[in-house]
C-alpha atoms as a PDB file:
ATOM      1  CA  MET A   1     -25.907 -29.345   2.744  1.00  0.00           C
ATOM      2  CA  THR A   2     -24.361 -28.917  -0.704  1.00  0.00           C
ATOM      3  CA  ALA A   3     -21.594 -26.453  -1.486  1.00  0.00           C
ATOM      4  CA  THR A   4     -24.066 -24.360  -3.492  1.00  0.00           C
ATOM      5  CA  SER A   5     -26.559 -24.172  -0.645  1.00  0.00           C
ATOM      6  CA  ARG A   6     -23.800 -23.313   1.842  1.00  0.00           C
ATOM      7  CA  HIS A   7     -22.668 -20.502  -0.426  1.00  0.00           C
ATOM      8  CA  GLY A   8     -26.223 -19.221  -0.728  1.00  0.00           C
ATOM      9  CA  LEU A   9     -26.649 -19.273   3.049  1.00  0.00           C
ATOM     10  CA  ARG A  10     -23.426 -17.339   3.549  1.00  0.00           C
ATOM     11  CA  GLU A  11     -24.513 -14.702   1.042  1.00  0.00           C
ATOM     12  CA  ARG A  12     -27.920 -14.301   2.746  1.00  0.00           C
ATOM     13  CA  LEU A  13     -26.288 -13.960   6.155  1.00  0.00           C
ATOM     14  CA  ARG A  14     -23.839 -11.377   4.814  1.00  0.00           C
ATOM     15  CA  SER A  15     -26.749  -9.272   3.603  1.00  0.00           C
ATOM     16  CA  VAL A  16     -27.793  -8.692   7.241  1.00  0.00           C
ATOM     17  CA  PRO A  17     -25.528  -5.863   8.483  1.00  0.00           C
ATOM     18  CA  LEU A  18     -24.953  -7.047  12.049  1.00  0.00           C
ATOM     19  CA  ILE A  19     -24.339 -10.629  10.953  1.00  0.00           C
ATOM     20  CA  ALA A  20     -22.047  -9.445   8.153  1.00  0.00           C
ATOM     21  CA  TYR A  21     -20.078  -7.384  10.657  1.00  0.00           C
ATOM     22  CA  ALA A  22     -19.761 -10.313  13.079  1.00  0.00           C
ATOM     23  CA  TYR A  23     -18.740 -12.620  10.238  1.00  0.00           C
ATOM     24  CA  HIS A  24     -16.051 -10.179   9.102  1.00  0.00           C
ATOM     25  CA  ARG A  25     -14.681  -9.743  12.619  1.00  0.00           C
ATOM     26  CA  LEU A  26     -14.606 -13.497  13.185  1.00  0.00           C
ATOM     27  CA  ARG A  27     -12.778 -14.123   9.900  1.00  0.00           C
ATOM     28  CA  SER A  28     -10.280 -11.394  10.769  1.00  0.00           C
ATOM     29  CA  ALA A  29      -9.642 -12.816  14.224  1.00  0.00           C
ATOM     30  CA  LEU A  30      -9.156 -16.338  12.870  1.00  0.00           C
ATOM     31  CA  ALA A  31      -7.033 -15.346   9.864  1.00  0.00           C
ATOM     32  CA  PRO A  32      -3.647 -15.856  11.578  1.00  0.00           C
ATOM     33  CA  LEU A  33      -4.810 -19.242  12.853  1.00  0.00           C
ATOM     34  CA  ARG A  34      -6.152 -20.367   9.464  1.00  0.00           C
ATOM     35  CA  ALA A  35      -3.249 -19.086   7.408  1.00  0.00           C
ATOM     36  CA  ARG A  36      -0.666 -21.634   6.351  1.00  0.00           C
ATOM     37  CA  THR A  37       3.000 -20.689   6.485  1.00  0.00           C
ATOM     38  CA  VAL A  38       4.839 -21.419   3.244  1.00  0.00           C
ATOM     39  CA  ALA A  39       8.398 -21.080   2.017  1.00  0.00           C
ATOM     40  CA  THR A  40       8.350 -18.358  -0.640  1.00  0.00           C
ATOM     41  CA  PRO A  41      10.572 -18.231  -3.738  1.00  0.00           C
ATOM     42  CA  HIS A  42      11.922 -14.988  -2.256  1.00  0.00           C
ATOM     43  CA  GLY A  43      13.800 -16.788   0.502  1.00  0.00           C
ATOM     44  CA  PHE A  44      11.580 -16.215   3.543  1.00  0.00           C
ATOM     45  CA  ARG A  45       8.581 -17.868   5.157  1.00  0.00           C
ATOM     46  CA  PHE A  46       5.206 -16.218   4.802  1.00  0.00           C
ATOM     47  CA  MET A  47       1.557 -16.595   5.686  1.00  0.00           C
ATOM     48  CA  GLY A  48      -1.389 -14.728   4.255  1.00  0.00           C
ATOM     49  CA  HIS A  49      -2.521 -14.327   0.668  1.00  0.00           C
ATOM     50  CA  ARG A  50      -1.752 -17.410  -1.406  1.00  0.00           C
ATOM     51  CA  SER A  51      -0.393 -15.455  -4.390  1.00  0.00           C
ATOM     52  CA  MET A  52       2.015 -13.577  -2.124  1.00  0.00           C
ATOM     53  CA  GLY A  53       3.406 -16.852  -0.863  1.00  0.00           C
ATOM     54  CA  THR A  54       3.803 -18.367  -4.330  1.00  0.00           C
ATOM     55  CA  GLY A  55       5.459 -15.318  -5.858  1.00  0.00           C
ATOM     56  CA  GLU A  56       2.597 -14.577  -8.289  1.00  0.00           C
ATOM     57  CA  PHE A  57       1.475 -11.350  -6.568  1.00  0.00           C
ATOM     58  CA  GLU A  58       2.626  -8.147  -8.326  1.00  0.00           C
ATOM     59  CA  SER A  59       5.557  -9.994  -9.863  1.00  0.00           C
ATOM     60  CA  GLU A  60       6.823  -6.994 -11.858  1.00  0.00           C
ATOM     61  CA  GLU A  61       6.638  -4.669  -8.851  1.00  0.00           C
ATOM     62  CA  VAL A  62       8.368  -7.256  -6.664  1.00  0.00           C
ATOM     63  CA  ALA A  63      11.202  -7.558  -9.194  1.00  0.00           C
ATOM     64  CA  LEU A  64      11.542  -3.764  -9.268  1.00  0.00           C
ATOM     65  CA  VAL A  65      11.618  -3.486  -5.476  1.00  0.00           C
ATOM     66  CA  LYS A  66      14.301  -6.153  -5.293  1.00  0.00           C
ATOM     67  CA  ALA A  67      16.411  -4.217  -7.784  1.00  0.00           C
ATOM     68  CA  LEU A  68      15.891  -0.920  -5.955  1.00  0.00           C
ATOM     69  CA  LEU A  69      16.769  -2.470  -2.600  1.00  0.00           C
ATOM     70  CA  ALA A  70      20.201  -3.292  -3.966  1.00  0.00           C
ATOM     71  CA  GLU A  71      20.932   0.459  -3.866  1.00  0.00           C
ATOM     72  CA  ARG A  72      18.607   1.624  -1.068  1.00  0.00           C
ATOM     73  CA  GLU A  73      19.288   1.246   2.628  1.00  0.00           C
ATOM     74  CA  VAL A  74      15.829   1.656   4.182  1.00  0.00           C
ATOM     75  CA  LEU A  75      12.307   0.736   3.063  1.00  0.00           C
ATOM     76  CA  ILE A  76       9.405   2.873   4.270  1.00  0.00           C
ATOM     77  CA  ASP A  77       6.485   0.530   3.574  1.00  0.00           C
ATOM     78  CA  VAL A  78       3.318   2.654   3.613  1.00  0.00           C
ATOM     79  CA  GLY A  79       0.280   0.407   3.451  1.00  0.00           C
ATOM     80  CA  ALA A  80       2.346  -2.604   4.457  1.00  0.00           C
ATOM     81  CA  ASN A  81      -0.722  -4.876   4.561  1.00  0.00           C
ATOM     82  CA  VAL A  82       0.451  -8.298   5.786  1.00  0.00           C
ATOM     83  CA  GLY A  83       4.105  -7.612   5.047  1.00  0.00           C
ATOM     84  CA  LEU A  84       5.199  -8.903   1.653  1.00  0.00           C
ATOM     85  CA  TYR A  85       7.396  -5.920   0.777  1.00  0.00           C
ATOM     86  CA  THR A  86       8.531  -5.546   4.378  1.00  0.00           C
ATOM     87  CA  CYS A  87       9.702  -9.161   4.323  1.00  0.00           C
ATOM     88  CA  LEU A  88      11.397  -8.682   0.943  1.00  0.00           C
ATOM     89  CA  ALA A  89      13.409  -5.811   2.388  1.00  0.00           C
ATOM     90  CA  ARG A  90      14.243  -7.571   5.646  1.00  0.00           C
ATOM     91  CA  SER A  91      15.374 -10.681   3.759  1.00  0.00           C
ATOM     92  CA  ALA A  92      17.757  -8.399   1.828  1.00  0.00           C
ATOM     93  CA  GLY A  93      19.170  -7.086   5.112  1.00  0.00           C
ATOM     94  CA  ARG A  94      17.509  -3.687   4.853  1.00  0.00           C
ATOM     95  CA  GLU A  95      16.011  -1.662   7.677  1.00  0.00           C
ATOM     96  CA  VAL A  96      12.231  -1.226   7.448  1.00  0.00           C
ATOM     97  CA  MET A  97       9.551   1.025   8.842  1.00  0.00           C
ATOM     98  CA  ALA A  98       6.238  -0.733   8.137  1.00  0.00           C
ATOM     99  CA  ILE A  99       3.128   1.460   8.342  1.00  0.00           C
ATOM    100  CA  GLU A 100      -0.258  -0.308   8.491  1.00  0.00           C
ATOM    101  CA  PRO A 101      -3.448   0.685  10.337  1.00  0.00           C
ATOM    102  CA  LEU A 102      -5.741  -2.363  10.054  1.00  0.00           C
ATOM    103  CA  PRO A 103      -5.697  -4.731  13.057  1.00  0.00           C
ATOM    104  CA  GLU A 104      -6.422  -7.832  10.960  1.00  0.00           C
ATOM    105  CA  ASN A 105      -3.508  -7.042   8.632  1.00  0.00           C
ATOM    106  CA  LEU A 106      -1.241  -6.241  11.562  1.00  0.00           C
ATOM    107  CA  ARG A 107      -1.850  -9.672  13.093  1.00  0.00           C
ATOM    108  CA  LEU A 108      -0.470 -11.369   9.985  1.00  0.00           C
ATOM    109  CA  LEU A 109       2.300  -8.784   9.581  1.00  0.00           C
ATOM    110  CA  TYR A 110       3.492  -9.458  13.125  1.00  0.00           C
ATOM    111  CA  ALA A 111       3.241 -13.221  12.551  1.00  0.00           C
ATOM    112  CA  ASN A 112       5.318 -13.000   9.358  1.00  0.00           C
ATOM    113  CA  LEU A 113       8.024 -10.941  11.051  1.00  0.00           C
ATOM    114  CA  LEU A 114       8.194 -13.289  14.033  1.00  0.00           C
ATOM    115  CA  GLU A 115       8.191 -16.389  11.807  1.00  0.00           C
ATOM    116  CA  ASN A 116      11.394 -15.136  10.201  1.00  0.00           C
ATOM    117  CA  GLY A 117      12.991 -13.882  13.404  1.00  0.00           C
ATOM    118  CA  TRP A 118      12.792 -10.181  12.490  1.00  0.00           C
ATOM    119  CA  ARG A 119      11.777  -8.958  15.926  1.00  0.00           C
ATOM    120  CA  ASP A 120      13.604  -5.657  15.514  1.00  0.00           C
ATOM    121  CA  THR A 121      11.405  -4.401  12.646  1.00  0.00           C
ATOM    122  CA  GLU A 122       9.694  -1.066  13.320  1.00  0.00           C
ATOM    123  CA  VAL A 123       5.907  -1.163  12.835  1.00  0.00           C
ATOM    124  CA  MET A 124       3.695   1.937  12.963  1.00  0.00           C
ATOM    125  CA  PRO A 125       0.015   0.919  13.458  1.00  0.00           C
ATOM    126  CA  MET A 126      -1.578   4.018  11.927  1.00  0.00           C
ATOM    127  CA  GLY A 127      -2.573   5.713   8.700  1.00  0.00           C
ATOM    128  CA  LEU A 128      -0.877   8.614   6.926  1.00  0.00           C
ATOM    129  CA  ALA A 129      -2.581  11.774   5.704  1.00  0.00           C
ATOM    130  CA  ALA A 130      -2.135  15.515   5.240  1.00  0.00           C
ATOM    131  CA  ALA A 131      -2.350  16.185   8.989  1.00  0.00           C
ATOM    132  CA  PRO A 132      -2.490  14.213  12.250  1.00  0.00           C
ATOM    133  CA  GLY A 133      -5.903  13.217  13.563  1.00  0.00           C
ATOM    134  CA  ILE A 134      -8.442  10.418  13.637  1.00  0.00           C
ATOM    135  CA  ALA A 135     -10.225   9.030  10.587  1.00  0.00           C
ATOM    136  CA  GLU A 136     -12.446   6.197   9.461  1.00  0.00           C
ATOM    137  CA  ILE A 137     -11.114   3.524   7.135  1.00  0.00           C
ATOM    138  CA  TYR A 138     -13.537   1.515   5.001  1.00  0.00           C
ATOM    139  CA  GLY A 139     -13.316  -2.146   4.022  1.00  0.00           C
ATOM    140  CA  GLY A 140     -10.571  -4.586   4.824  1.00  0.00           C
ATOM    141  CA  GLY A 141      -7.752  -6.776   3.531  1.00  0.00           C
ATOM    142  CA  THR A 142      -5.835  -5.378   0.579  1.00  0.00           C
ATOM    143  CA  GLY A 143      -8.689  -3.031  -0.392  1.00  0.00           C
ATOM    144  CA  ALA A 144      -9.244  -0.865   2.691  1.00  0.00           C
ATOM    145  CA  SER A 145      -9.290   2.875   2.048  1.00  0.00           C
ATOM    146  CA  LEU A 146      -9.593   6.220   3.789  1.00  0.00           C
ATOM    147  CA  VAL A 147     -11.638   7.477   0.818  1.00  0.00           C
ATOM    148  CA  PRO A 148     -15.375   7.520   1.694  1.00  0.00           C
ATOM    149  CA  GLY A 149     -17.345   5.474  -0.819  1.00  0.00           C
ATOM    150  CA  TRP A 150     -14.250   3.642  -2.050  1.00  0.00           C
ATOM    151  CA  ALA A 151     -15.094   0.625  -4.245  1.00  0.00           C
ATOM    152  CA  GLY A 152     -18.796   1.273  -3.734  1.00  0.00           C
ATOM    153  CA  LEU A 153     -18.733   0.711   0.016  1.00  0.00           C
ATOM    154  CA  PRO A 154     -21.501   2.703   1.742  1.00  0.00           C
ATOM    155  CA  MET A 155     -20.224   5.341   4.153  1.00  0.00           C
ATOM    156  CA  ARG A 156     -22.303   3.800   6.935  1.00  0.00           C
ATOM    157  CA  THR A 157     -20.888   0.320   6.408  1.00  0.00           C
ATOM    158  CA  LEU A 158     -20.207  -1.609   9.565  1.00  0.00           C
ATOM    159  CA  LEU A 159     -16.923  -2.678   7.980  1.00  0.00           C
ATOM    160  CA  ARG A 160     -15.301   0.614   8.930  1.00  0.00           C
ATOM    161  CA  LYS A 161     -12.875   1.339  11.699  1.00  0.00           C
ATOM    162  CA  ARG A 162     -11.496   4.427  13.393  1.00  0.00           C
ATOM    163  CA  ILE A 163      -7.752   4.761  13.137  1.00  0.00           C
ATOM    164  CA  PRO A 164      -5.126   7.308  14.212  1.00  0.00           C
ATOM    165  CA  LEU A 165      -3.448   9.410  11.537  1.00  0.00           C
ATOM    166  CA  THR A 166      -0.132  11.187  11.338  1.00  0.00           C
ATOM    167  CA  THR A 167       2.001  12.558   8.505  1.00  0.00           C
ATOM    168  CA  LEU A 168       4.983  11.033   6.773  1.00  0.00           C
ATOM    169  CA  ASP A 169       6.981  14.145   7.672  1.00  0.00           C
ATOM    170  CA  ASN A 170       6.193  13.575  11.349  1.00  0.00           C
ATOM    171  CA  LEU A 171       7.250   9.932  11.229  1.00  0.00           C
ATOM    172  CA  LEU A 172      10.503  10.603   9.407  1.00  0.00           C
ATOM    173  CA  ALA A 173      11.484  13.904  11.050  1.00  0.00           C
ATOM    174  CA  GLY A 174      15.158  13.599  11.952  1.00  0.00           C
ATOM    175  CA  ARG A 175      15.206   9.882  11.078  1.00  0.00           C
ATOM    176  CA  PHE A 176      17.638   8.131   8.743  1.00  0.00           C
ATOM    177  CA  PRO A 177      19.829  11.204   7.993  1.00  0.00           C
ATOM    178  CA  GLY A 178      21.920  10.844   4.832  1.00  0.00           C
ATOM    179  CA  ARG A 179      20.497   7.404   4.053  1.00  0.00           C
ATOM    180  CA  ARG A 180      18.943   6.346   0.751  1.00  0.00           C
ATOM    181  CA  LEU A 181      15.255   5.589   1.246  1.00  0.00           C
ATOM    182  CA  LEU A 182      12.789   3.632  -0.837  1.00  0.00           C
ATOM    183  CA  ILE A 183       9.224   4.711  -0.005  1.00  0.00           C
ATOM    184  CA  LYS A 184       6.494   2.338  -1.184  1.00  0.00           C
ATOM    185  CA  VAL A 185       2.961   3.760  -1.042  1.00  0.00           C
ATOM    186  CA  ASP A 186      -0.123   1.587  -1.629  1.00  0.00           C
ATOM    187  CA  ILE A 187      -3.044   3.142   0.247  1.00  0.00           C
ATOM    188  CA  GLU A 188      -6.031   2.794  -2.071  1.00  0.00           C
ATOM    189  CA  GLY A 189      -6.691   6.298  -3.320  1.00  0.00           C
ATOM    190  CA  ALA A 190      -5.391   8.292  -0.326  1.00  0.00           C
ATOM    191  CA  GLU A 191      -1.933   9.009  -1.755  1.00  0.00           C
ATOM    192  CA  HIS A 192      -2.666  12.677  -2.536  1.00  0.00           C
ATOM    193  CA  ALA A 193      -3.416  13.392   1.136  1.00  0.00           C
ATOM    194  CA  LEU A 194      -0.257  11.522   2.155  1.00  0.00           C
ATOM    195  CA  LEU A 195       1.836  13.652  -0.210  1.00  0.00           C
ATOM    196  CA  GLN A 196       0.344  16.822   1.283  1.00  0.00           C
ATOM    197  CA  GLY A 197       1.880  15.711   4.568  1.00  0.00           C
ATOM    198  CA  ALA A 198       5.238  14.787   3.017  1.00  0.00           C
ATOM    199  CA  ALA A 199       6.674  18.110   1.783  1.00  0.00           C
ATOM    200  CA  SER A 200       9.880  17.761   3.800  1.00  0.00           C
ATOM    201  CA  THR A 201      10.301  14.096   2.890  1.00  0.00           C
ATOM    202  CA  LEU A 202      10.066  14.932  -0.805  1.00  0.00           C
ATOM    203  CA  GLU A 203      12.944  17.400  -0.352  1.00  0.00           C
ATOM    204  CA  ARG A 204      15.262  15.061   1.562  1.00  0.00           C
ATOM    205  CA  THR A 205      18.885  14.678   0.519  1.00  0.00           C
ATOM    206  CA  PRO A 206      19.569  12.186  -0.862  1.00  0.00           C
ATOM    207  CA  ALA A 207      16.128  12.151  -2.496  1.00  0.00           C
ATOM    208  CA  PRO A 208      14.089   9.019  -1.796  1.00  0.00           C
ATOM    209  CA  ALA A 209      12.919   6.760  -4.573  1.00  0.00           C
ATOM    210  CA  TRP A 210       9.129   6.441  -4.447  1.00  0.00           C
ATOM    211  CA  LEU A 211       6.990   3.554  -5.665  1.00  0.00           C
ATOM    212  CA  VAL A 212       3.391   4.822  -5.583  1.00  0.00           C
ATOM    213  CA  GLU A 213       0.066   3.366  -6.693  1.00  0.00           C
ATOM    214  CA  ILE A 214      -1.976   6.120  -8.392  1.00  0.00           C
ATOM    215  CA  CYS A 215      -5.233   5.046 -10.029  1.00  0.00           C
ATOM    216  CA  LEU A 216      -7.255   7.254 -12.379  1.00  0.00           C
ATOM    217  CA  THR A 217     -10.716   5.644 -12.353  1.00  0.00           C
ATOM    218  CA  GLU A 218     -10.563   2.367 -10.462  1.00  0.00           C
ATOM    219  CA  ASN A 219     -12.731   2.238  -7.296  1.00  0.00           C
ATOM    220  CA  PHE A 220     -13.119   6.004  -6.914  1.00  0.00           C
ATOM    221  CA  PRO A 221     -16.552   7.304  -5.938  1.00  0.00           C
ATOM    222  CA  GLY A 222     -17.829   9.261  -8.911  1.00  0.00           C
ATOM    223  CA  GLY A 223     -15.672   7.151 -11.210  1.00  0.00           C
ATOM    224  CA  VAL A 224     -12.550   9.331 -11.347  1.00  0.00           C
ATOM    225  CA  ASN A 225      -9.649  10.351  -9.129  1.00  0.00           C
ATOM    226  CA  PRO A 226     -10.006  14.134  -8.684  1.00  0.00           C
ATOM    227  CA  ASP A 227      -6.374  14.402  -7.543  1.00  0.00           C
ATOM    228  CA  TYR A 228      -4.785  12.254 -10.250  1.00  0.00           C
ATOM    229  CA  ALA A 229      -2.763  14.965 -11.989  1.00  0.00           C
ATOM    230  CA  ALA A 230      -2.052  16.767  -8.707  1.00  0.00           C
ATOM    231  CA  SER A 231      -0.488  13.614  -7.249  1.00  0.00           C
ATOM    232  CA  PHE A 232       2.022  13.434 -10.100  1.00  0.00           C
ATOM    233  CA  GLU A 233       2.639  17.170  -9.851  1.00  0.00           C
ATOM    234  CA  PHE A 234       3.907  16.807  -6.270  1.00  0.00           C
ATOM    235  CA  PHE A 235       6.855  14.963  -7.826  1.00  0.00           C
ATOM    236  CA  PHE A 236       7.276  16.848 -11.102  1.00  0.00           C
ATOM    237  CA  ALA A 237       7.357  20.222  -9.313  1.00  0.00           C
ATOM    238  CA  ARG A 238      10.272  19.003  -7.178  1.00  0.00           C
ATOM    239  CA  GLY A 239      12.415  17.691 -10.000  1.00  0.00           C
ATOM    240  CA  TYR A 240      11.447  14.031  -9.861  1.00  0.00           C
ATOM    241  CA  ALA A 241      11.198  11.973 -13.043  1.00  0.00           C
ATOM    242  CA  ALA A 242       8.446   9.361 -13.362  1.00  0.00           C
ATOM    243  CA  ARG A 243       8.415   5.909 -14.915  1.00  0.00           C
ATOM    244  CA  THR A 244       5.921   3.069 -14.997  1.00  0.00           C
ATOM    245  CA  ALA A 245       6.721   0.522 -12.316  1.00  0.00           C
ATOM    246  CA  ASN A 246       6.368  -2.475 -14.602  1.00  0.00           C
ATOM    247  CA  ALA A 247       8.689  -4.321 -16.950  1.00  0.00           C
ATOM    248  CA  ALA A 248       8.413  -1.571 -19.595  1.00  0.00           C
ATOM    249  CA  ARG A 249       9.703   1.143 -17.210  1.00  0.00           C
ATOM    250  CA  ARG A 250       8.237   3.710 -19.615  1.00  0.00           C
ATOM    251  CA  PRO A 251       8.924   7.408 -18.892  1.00  0.00           C
ATOM    252  CA  VAL A 252       5.827   9.372 -17.832  1.00  0.00           C
ATOM    253  CA  THR A 253       5.639  13.113 -18.513  1.00  0.00           C
ATOM    254  CA  ARG A 254       3.326  15.935 -17.514  1.00  0.00           C
ATOM    255  CA  ALA A 255       1.854  15.781 -21.004  1.00  0.00           C
ATOM    256  CA  ASP A 256       1.083  12.064 -20.568  1.00  0.00           C
ATOM    257  CA  VAL A 257      -0.660  12.660 -17.260  1.00  0.00           C
ATOM    258  CA  ALA A 258      -2.676  15.592 -18.634  1.00  0.00           C
ATOM    259  CA  ARG A 259      -3.735  13.543 -21.668  1.00  0.00           C
ATOM    260  CA  TRP A 260      -4.804  10.569 -19.564  1.00  0.00           C
ATOM    261  CA  ALA A 261      -6.681  12.742 -17.078  1.00  0.00           C
ATOM    262  CA  GLY A 262      -8.462  14.536 -19.917  1.00  0.00           C
ATOM    263  CA  ALA A 263      -9.448  11.301 -21.610  1.00  0.00           C
ATOM    264  CA  GLY A 264     -10.511   9.631 -18.370  1.00  0.00           C
ATOM    265  CA  ARG A 265      -8.344   6.639 -19.219  1.00  0.00           C
ATOM    266  CA  SER A 266      -4.709   5.909 -18.430  1.00  0.00           C
ATOM    267  CA  GLY A 267      -2.453   4.672 -21.205  1.00  0.00           C
ATOM    268  CA  SER A 268       0.388   3.608 -18.933  1.00  0.00           C
ATOM    269  CA  GLY A 269      -0.563  -0.053 -18.578  1.00  0.00           C
ATOM    270  CA  THR A 270      -0.136   0.035 -14.806  1.00  0.00           C
ATOM    271  CA  TYR A 271      -1.349   1.665 -11.583  1.00  0.00           C
ATOM    272  CA  ASN A 272       2.143   1.839 -10.087  1.00  0.00           C
ATOM    273  CA  TYR A 273       4.766   4.485 -10.780  1.00  0.00           C
ATOM    274  CA  LEU A 274       8.404   4.991  -9.819  1.00  0.00           C
ATOM    275  CA  PHE A 275       9.551   8.524  -8.992  1.00  0.00           C
ATOM    276  CA  SER A 276      13.242   9.342  -8.671  1.00  0.00           C
ATOM    277  CA  ARG A 277      15.156  12.629  -8.603  1.00  0.00           C
ATOM    278  CA  ASP A 278      18.790  11.600  -8.293  1.00  0.00           C
ATOM    279  CA  ASP A 279      18.621   8.760 -10.827  1.00  0.00           C
ATOM    280  CA  PRO A 280      15.855   9.226 -13.441  1.00  0.00           C
ATOM    281  CA  SER A 281      16.686   5.900 -15.076  1.00  0.00           C
ATOM    282  CA  ALA A 282      16.111   3.965 -11.821  1.00  0.00           C
END
């Protein structure tokens, strides 16, 4: 059988829902066994996505996180996926709380922590939202989302899972008093709900630095993020300044956000933003 015919067979099988579901579950179960551990340019060993291992993945964001970790004591890694940013922080000697709900991602996250001997890392296998509960998450890998219809996935897709939810305020209540936190949030469109459950965290002293992915149009059902401006406003209303989380580190204002939301197109050049209250130039 040629490579082309094998590809065609796989695509036909994936079009049958039950077979597609079984295929996905099998790939997820085998992922830790198939993944090859590599030595990264960041100084730790890693298995999972090839670009994460080579240092090509989100290179500007990685450089920013490394710089921020020089002044921050704890990383709260929300949407930890398979652990790239968690491993970056642990390799820098920082304490980490890694938050990730997907079982297939958790398998590789655990493997990466164990491979590097970081057995004391705190992992929370759940999602974050405005209130505790149970929800369905759609899709898998780096693209799973709590948003129904995310990236065109049908709401009745078999590639959905039920996961427990809590709030960021609940997880951090009474934890890390007086310590400087870096909170990284990459949860595919669900950041507004997370921020609704993070009122106390936003008001912590010292104020955390936040690195948050906020998309305007990408992958949202209906073609636009209805909470785009409101997500920024959670920070602006509490005295945080915003910058693009890329090499430009461009300041972002309320007027910028309003203009982009009105035009239906962001002019920032990135999906990722840095919010800081105690050091606006960070």
